[in-house]
Amino acid sequence: MTIPTEKITTEPTLNPGDEAEPGTPGAAEDICDACSGKGKLADGSACAECGGTGRVMRGIGGG
């Protein structure tokens, strides 16, 4: 399977609940508040806030 070049990206995919990109100084991975880290909502659908991962990037303070 070949991926078309216009679909290839080096930009990280951010979810609505992410406050920063992975690797950003002063940010760290945290449990998603919307799904309590499960990745799914009560109705069984994937959580839109974390993209179904159960984790979001949050600012933790610092400089």
N, C-alpha and C. Protein backbone atom coordinates (compact mmCIF):
# COMPACT_ATOMS: atom_id res chain seq x y z
N MET A 1 0.84 -1.17 0.00
CA MET A 1 0.00 0.00 0.00
C MET A 1 0.88 1.24 0.00
N THR A 2 0.61 2.15 -0.88
CA THR A 2 1.38 3.38 -0.98
C THR A 2 0.53 4.55 -0.51
N ILE A 3 1.11 5.40 0.34
CA ILE A 3 0.41 6.59 0.83
C ILE A 3 0.75 7.75 -0.08
N PRO A 4 -0.27 8.44 -0.60
CA PRO A 4 0.01 9.60 -1.46
C PRO A 4 0.81 10.65 -0.70
N THR A 5 1.78 11.28 -1.37
CA THR A 5 2.64 12.27 -0.72
C THR A 5 1.89 13.41 -0.09
N GLU A 6 0.76 13.80 -0.65
CA GLU A 6 -0.01 14.91 -0.07
C GLU A 6 -0.65 14.53 1.27
N LYS A 7 -0.70 13.24 1.57
CA LYS A 7 -1.28 12.77 2.84
C LYS A 7 -0.22 12.60 3.92
N ILE A 8 1.05 12.63 3.55
CA ILE A 8 2.14 12.45 4.51
C ILE A 8 2.40 13.77 5.21
N THR A 9 2.44 13.72 6.53
CA THR A 9 2.70 14.92 7.31
C THR A 9 3.62 14.60 8.48
N THR A 10 4.43 15.55 8.85
CA THR A 10 5.29 15.39 10.02
C THR A 10 4.70 16.11 11.22
N GLU A 11 3.60 16.82 11.00
CA GLU A 11 2.94 17.53 12.09
C GLU A 11 2.20 16.53 12.97
N PRO A 12 2.34 16.63 14.30
CA PRO A 12 1.59 15.72 15.17
C PRO A 12 0.10 16.03 15.09
N THR A 13 -0.70 15.01 15.21
CA THR A 13 -2.14 15.19 15.20
C THR A 13 -2.58 15.61 16.59
N LEU A 14 -3.25 16.75 16.68
CA LEU A 14 -3.74 17.22 17.96
C LEU A 14 -5.23 16.94 18.07
N ASN A 15 -5.65 16.58 19.26
CA ASN A 15 -7.06 16.36 19.55
C ASN A 15 -7.61 17.59 20.24
N PRO A 16 -8.93 17.78 20.25
CA PRO A 16 -9.51 18.96 20.87
C PRO A 16 -9.10 19.17 22.33
N GLY A 17 -8.84 18.10 23.06
CA GLY A 17 -8.46 18.22 24.47
C GLY A 17 -7.00 18.55 24.70
N ASP A 18 -6.18 18.50 23.65
CA ASP A 18 -4.75 18.79 23.79
C ASP A 18 -4.52 20.29 23.94
N GLU A 19 -3.67 20.66 24.89
CA GLU A 19 -3.32 22.06 25.09
C GLU A 19 -1.99 22.39 24.42
N ALA A 20 -1.21 21.36 24.06
CA ALA A 20 0.10 21.57 23.45
C ALA A 20 0.47 20.36 22.62
N GLU A 21 1.47 20.52 21.75
CA GLU A 21 1.99 19.41 20.97
C GLU A 21 2.90 18.55 21.85
N PRO A 22 2.98 17.25 21.57
CA PRO A 22 3.92 16.41 22.30
C PRO A 22 5.34 16.96 22.16
N GLY A 23 6.08 16.93 23.25
CA GLY A 23 7.45 17.43 23.25
C GLY A 23 7.58 18.90 23.61
N THR A 24 6.46 19.59 23.80
CA THR A 24 6.49 21.00 24.17
C THR A 24 6.98 21.14 25.60
N PRO A 25 8.01 21.97 25.84
CA PRO A 25 8.46 22.19 27.22
C PRO A 25 7.31 22.73 28.08
N GLY A 26 7.18 22.21 29.28
CA GLY A 26 6.12 22.66 30.17
C GLY A 26 4.79 21.96 29.94
N ALA A 27 4.78 20.89 29.13
CA ALA A 27 3.56 20.13 28.88
C ALA A 27 3.85 18.64 29.09
N ALA A 28 2.82 17.92 29.48
CA ALA A 28 2.97 16.48 29.71
C ALA A 28 1.65 15.78 29.42
N GLU A 29 1.73 14.47 29.23
CA GLU A 29 0.55 13.67 28.98
C GLU A 29 -0.25 13.51 30.27
N ASP A 30 -1.57 13.58 30.17
CA ASP A 30 -2.46 13.47 31.31
C ASP A 30 -3.68 12.64 30.91
N ILE A 31 -4.42 12.20 31.89
CA ILE A 31 -5.65 11.44 31.64
C ILE A 31 -6.74 12.39 31.16
N CYS A 32 -7.47 11.99 30.15
CA CYS A 32 -8.56 12.79 29.59
C CYS A 32 -9.71 12.88 30.60
N ASP A 33 -10.16 14.10 30.87
CA ASP A 33 -11.27 14.31 31.80
C ASP A 33 -12.60 13.84 31.23
N ALA A 34 -12.77 13.97 29.93
CA ALA A 34 -14.05 13.64 29.30
C ALA A 34 -14.39 12.15 29.39
N CYS A 35 -13.39 11.28 29.29
CA CYS A 35 -13.65 9.83 29.31
C CYS A 35 -12.97 9.12 30.47
N SER A 36 -12.35 9.88 31.36
CA SER A 36 -11.64 9.33 32.53
C SER A 36 -10.53 8.37 32.12
N GLY A 37 -9.90 8.62 30.98
CA GLY A 37 -8.78 7.82 30.52
C GLY A 37 -9.16 6.52 29.82
N LYS A 38 -10.44 6.29 29.60
CA LYS A 38 -10.89 5.04 28.97
C LYS A 38 -10.84 5.08 27.45
N GLY A 39 -10.90 6.28 26.87
CA GLY A 39 -10.90 6.41 25.42
C GLY A 39 -12.28 6.27 24.81
N LYS A 40 -13.25 5.87 25.61
CA LYS A 40 -14.64 5.72 25.14
C LYS A 40 -15.58 6.43 26.10
N LEU A 41 -16.66 6.93 25.55
CA LEU A 41 -17.68 7.58 26.36
C LEU A 41 -18.68 6.54 26.87
N ALA A 42 -19.59 6.96 27.73
CA ALA A 42 -20.56 6.03 28.33
C ALA A 42 -21.40 5.31 27.28
N ASP A 43 -21.64 5.96 26.13
CA ASP A 43 -22.45 5.32 25.08
C ASP A 43 -21.63 4.37 24.20
N GLY A 44 -20.34 4.21 24.51
CA GLY A 44 -19.49 3.29 23.76
C GLY A 44 -18.75 3.91 22.58
N SER A 45 -19.05 5.17 22.27
CA SER A 45 -18.38 5.83 21.15
C SER A 45 -17.00 6.33 21.59
N ALA A 46 -16.11 6.47 20.62
CA ALA A 46 -14.77 6.98 20.90
C ALA A 46 -14.85 8.41 21.41
N CYS A 47 -14.03 8.73 22.38
CA CYS A 47 -14.01 10.08 22.95
C CYS A 47 -13.39 11.04 21.94
N ALA A 48 -14.10 12.11 21.65
CA ALA A 48 -13.62 13.12 20.69
C ALA A 48 -12.54 14.00 21.30
N GLU A 49 -12.53 14.18 22.61
CA GLU A 49 -11.55 15.05 23.26
C GLU A 49 -10.14 14.50 23.15
N CYS A 50 -9.99 13.18 23.30
CA CYS A 50 -8.65 12.57 23.26
C CYS A 50 -8.43 11.72 22.01
N GLY A 51 -9.41 11.66 21.13
CA GLY A 51 -9.28 10.85 19.93
C GLY A 51 -9.30 9.36 20.21
N GLY A 52 -9.85 8.97 21.36
CA GLY A 52 -9.94 7.56 21.71
C GLY A 52 -8.71 6.99 22.39
N THR A 53 -7.73 7.84 22.72
CA THR A 53 -6.52 7.35 23.36
C THR A 53 -6.62 7.33 24.88
N GLY A 54 -7.50 8.16 25.45
CA GLY A 54 -7.61 8.27 26.91
C GLY A 54 -6.61 9.25 27.49
N ARG A 55 -5.76 9.84 26.65
CA ARG A 55 -4.72 10.76 27.12
C ARG A 55 -4.77 12.07 26.33
N VAL A 56 -4.43 13.16 27.00
CA VAL A 56 -4.32 14.48 26.37
C VAL A 56 -3.03 15.12 26.84
N MET A 57 -2.55 16.10 26.07
CA MET A 57 -1.35 16.86 26.47
C MET A 57 -1.82 18.11 27.19
N ARG A 58 -1.27 18.33 28.39
CA ARG A 58 -1.66 19.48 29.21
C ARG A 58 -0.44 20.28 29.62
N GLY A 59 -0.67 21.57 29.82
CA GLY A 59 0.36 22.42 30.38
C GLY A 59 0.53 22.08 31.85
N ILE A 60 1.80 21.91 32.29
CA ILE A 60 2.05 21.57 33.68
C ILE A 60 2.79 22.69 34.41
N GLY A 61 2.99 23.78 33.73
CA GLY A 61 3.66 24.92 34.37
C GLY A 61 5.07 25.09 33.87
N GLY A 62 5.77 25.92 34.51
CA GLY A 62 7.16 26.18 34.12
C GLY A 62 7.29 27.48 33.38
N GLY A 63 8.45 27.67 32.87
CA GLY A 63 8.92 28.82 32.29
C GLY A 63 8.40 29.70 31.36
